[in-house]
């Protein structure tokens, strides 16, 4: 089956793929995310989201939602010796005029927030990509072939693997 798509094809429904799709959506550009799993891959532990990441999440329109779910930012940062010697250095995150925002969250919570902010049907699950071909001579810049025989011809393409 062959389909034509007027937008970006993004391979991979992880944090980078979903954030890319949401950024494109926010500026009015269509995209489709091809994910090989049958659902969001929530595997992985927690992550610390730092100041610059919060700026990106604000631009994507999901920072306030995540702040509500994680209301306690970290106040201090400590470097601890792995040899048992204890704390090497400790410093506050809001000291000397600097303001750093750090919050811990589960990877699954971030993925869900990104996915929920996307239009329905943006993420296509169970899509195993066999190959991507790029062309400068065709009206379509990329052709993505899936394991089930589907070929998606798109005017734009992005690989986030």
Protein backbone atom coordinates (compact mmCIF):
# COMPACT_ATOMS: atom_id res chain seq x y z
CA UNK A 1 0.00 0.00 0.00
CA UNK A 2 1.36 3.43 -0.90
CA UNK A 3 0.39 6.65 0.84
CA UNK A 4 1.35 10.26 0.28
CA UNK A 5 1.95 12.59 3.18
CA UNK A 6 2.29 16.37 3.24
CA UNK A 7 4.58 16.74 6.23
CA UNK A 8 7.44 15.23 8.18
CA UNK A 9 7.88 11.53 8.85
CA UNK A 10 9.58 11.01 12.20
CA UNK A 11 11.02 7.60 12.97
CA UNK A 12 10.94 6.78 16.66
CA UNK A 13 8.39 7.63 19.36
CA UNK A 14 10.83 8.38 22.15
CA UNK A 15 11.34 11.75 23.82
CA UNK A 16 13.17 13.26 20.82
CA UNK A 17 10.68 12.01 18.24
CA UNK A 18 7.61 13.16 20.16
CA UNK A 19 9.17 16.53 21.05
CA UNK A 20 10.03 17.07 17.37
CA UNK A 21 6.47 16.23 16.33
CA UNK A 22 5.03 18.58 18.95
CA UNK A 23 7.37 21.42 17.96
CA UNK A 24 6.31 21.03 14.32
CA UNK A 25 2.64 20.89 15.32
CA UNK A 26 2.96 24.12 17.34
CA UNK A 27 4.14 25.97 14.21
CA UNK A 28 1.47 24.41 11.99
CA UNK A 29 3.48 21.69 10.26
CA UNK A 30 2.00 18.20 10.07
CA UNK A 31 4.02 15.16 11.04
CA UNK A 32 3.54 11.48 11.65
CA UNK A 33 5.58 9.50 14.16
CA UNK A 34 6.37 5.87 13.29
CA UNK A 35 6.92 3.79 16.43
CA UNK A 36 7.85 0.11 16.19
CA UNK A 37 6.36 -0.80 19.60
CA UNK A 38 2.64 -1.27 20.14
CA UNK A 39 2.48 1.58 22.70
CA UNK A 40 4.67 4.28 24.21
CA UNK A 41 7.90 2.76 25.49
CA UNK A 42 7.75 3.73 29.14
CA UNK A 43 10.83 1.70 30.04
CA UNK A 44 13.55 3.65 31.72
CA UNK A 45 13.81 5.22 35.08
CA UNK A 46 13.58 8.74 36.25
CA UNK A 47 15.35 11.70 34.83
CA UNK A 48 16.34 15.08 36.12
CA UNK A 49 14.94 17.84 33.95
CA UNK A 50 17.25 20.86 34.09
CA UNK A 51 16.67 24.58 33.44
CA UNK A 52 17.19 24.56 29.67
CA UNK A 53 14.92 21.54 29.28
CA UNK A 54 12.19 23.45 31.16
CA UNK A 55 12.59 26.28 28.66
CA UNK A 56 12.06 23.78 25.83
CA UNK A 57 9.06 22.22 27.59
CA UNK A 58 7.60 25.71 28.03
CA UNK A 59 7.99 26.36 24.29
CA UNK A 60 6.26 23.03 23.62
CA UNK A 61 3.37 24.05 25.89
CA UNK A 62 3.60 21.22 28.43
CA UNK A 63 5.83 22.67 31.19
CA UNK A 64 2.98 23.89 33.41
CA UNK A 65 1.28 20.48 33.32
CA UNK A 66 4.53 18.75 34.29
CA UNK A 67 5.22 21.29 37.05
CA UNK A 68 1.77 20.54 38.53
CA UNK A 69 2.59 16.84 38.53
CA UNK A 70 6.05 17.47 40.03
CA UNK A 71 5.55 20.45 42.37
CA UNK A 72 8.79 20.19 44.33
CA UNK A 73 11.89 21.43 42.50
CA UNK A 74 15.26 20.32 43.81
CA UNK A 75 16.83 22.94 46.09
CA UNK A 76 20.39 21.65 46.43
CA UNK A 77 22.79 19.74 44.25
CA UNK A 78 25.37 17.42 45.80
CA UNK A 79 28.26 15.55 44.25
CA UNK A 80 28.91 12.36 46.17
CA UNK A 81 32.08 10.27 46.04
CA UNK A 82 31.63 6.74 44.74
CA UNK A 83 34.41 5.47 47.01
CA UNK A 84 32.41 6.17 50.19
CA UNK A 85 34.16 9.42 51.12
CA UNK A 86 30.83 11.24 51.26
CA UNK A 87 29.81 14.57 49.79
CA UNK A 88 32.47 16.16 47.57
CA UNK A 89 30.60 19.39 46.96
CA UNK A 90 27.16 20.76 47.74
CA UNK A 91 25.63 23.93 46.38
CA UNK A 92 22.20 25.54 46.40
CA UNK A 93 20.40 25.92 43.07
CA UNK A 94 19.02 29.40 43.79
CA UNK A 95 22.15 31.10 45.10
CA UNK A 96 24.18 34.12 44.02
CA UNK A 97 21.55 35.46 41.64
CA UNK A 98 21.28 32.27 39.59
CA UNK A 99 18.05 30.37 39.40
CA UNK A 100 18.22 26.77 38.24
CA UNK A 101 15.09 24.69 37.95
CA UNK A 102 15.62 20.98 38.43
CA UNK A 103 12.84 18.45 38.91
CA UNK A 104 12.86 14.67 38.85
CA UNK A 105 10.25 12.81 36.84
CA UNK A 106 9.62 9.42 35.36
CA UNK A 107 10.39 9.05 31.66
CA UNK A 108 6.87 7.65 31.14
CA UNK A 109 5.27 10.83 32.50
CA UNK A 110 7.22 13.00 30.05
CA UNK A 111 6.39 10.69 27.13
CA UNK A 112 2.69 10.71 28.03
CA UNK A 113 2.60 14.51 28.28
CA UNK A 114 4.23 14.85 24.86
CA UNK A 115 1.95 12.25 23.26
CA UNK A 116 -1.23 13.72 24.78
CA UNK A 117 -0.40 17.18 23.42
CA UNK A 118 -0.20 15.83 19.86
CA UNK A 119 -3.22 15.61 17.54
CA UNK A 120 -4.89 12.18 17.46
CA UNK A 121 -3.46 9.75 14.93
CA UNK A 122 -0.04 11.49 14.87
CA UNK A 123 1.68 8.46 16.39
CA UNK A 124 1.46 5.23 14.38
CA UNK A 125 2.30 2.13 16.42
CA UNK A 126 3.61 -1.24 15.21
CA UNK A 127 5.48 0.42 12.34
CA UNK A 128 8.69 -1.42 11.65
CA UNK A 129 10.75 0.65 9.23
CA UNK A 130 12.76 -1.31 6.68
CA UNK A 131 14.37 1.55 4.82
CA UNK A 132 14.21 5.23 4.06
CA UNK A 133 15.18 6.61 0.68
CA UNK A 134 15.79 10.27 0.01
CA UNK A 135 15.38 11.86 -3.38
CA UNK A 136 16.17 15.31 -4.71
CA UNK A 137 14.67 14.60 -8.13
CA UNK A 138 11.13 13.68 -7.06
CA UNK A 139 8.34 15.88 -5.69
CA UNK A 140 8.64 13.74 -2.55
CA UNK A 141 11.85 14.13 -0.58
CA UNK A 142 11.58 10.81 1.24
CA UNK A 143 10.11 7.37 0.82
CA UNK A 144 9.74 5.24 3.95
CA UNK A 145 9.11 1.53 3.50
CA UNK A 146 7.55 -0.42 6.36
CA UNK A 147 7.78 -4.14 7.08
CA UNK A 148 4.09 -4.63 6.23
CA UNK A 149 4.70 -3.34 2.69
CA UNK A 150 3.37 0.17 3.27
CA UNK A 151 5.36 2.91 1.52
CA UNK A 152 4.97 6.47 2.79
CA UNK A 153 6.03 9.16 0.34
CA UNK A 154 6.57 12.44 2.14
CA UNK A 155 7.60 15.92 1.15
CA UNK A 156 9.80 16.08 4.25
CA UNK A 157 11.49 13.53 6.49
CA UNK A 158 13.39 13.38 9.79
CA UNK A 159 15.10 10.45 11.45
CA UNK A 160 15.45 10.73 15.24
CA UNK A 161 17.10 7.35 15.85
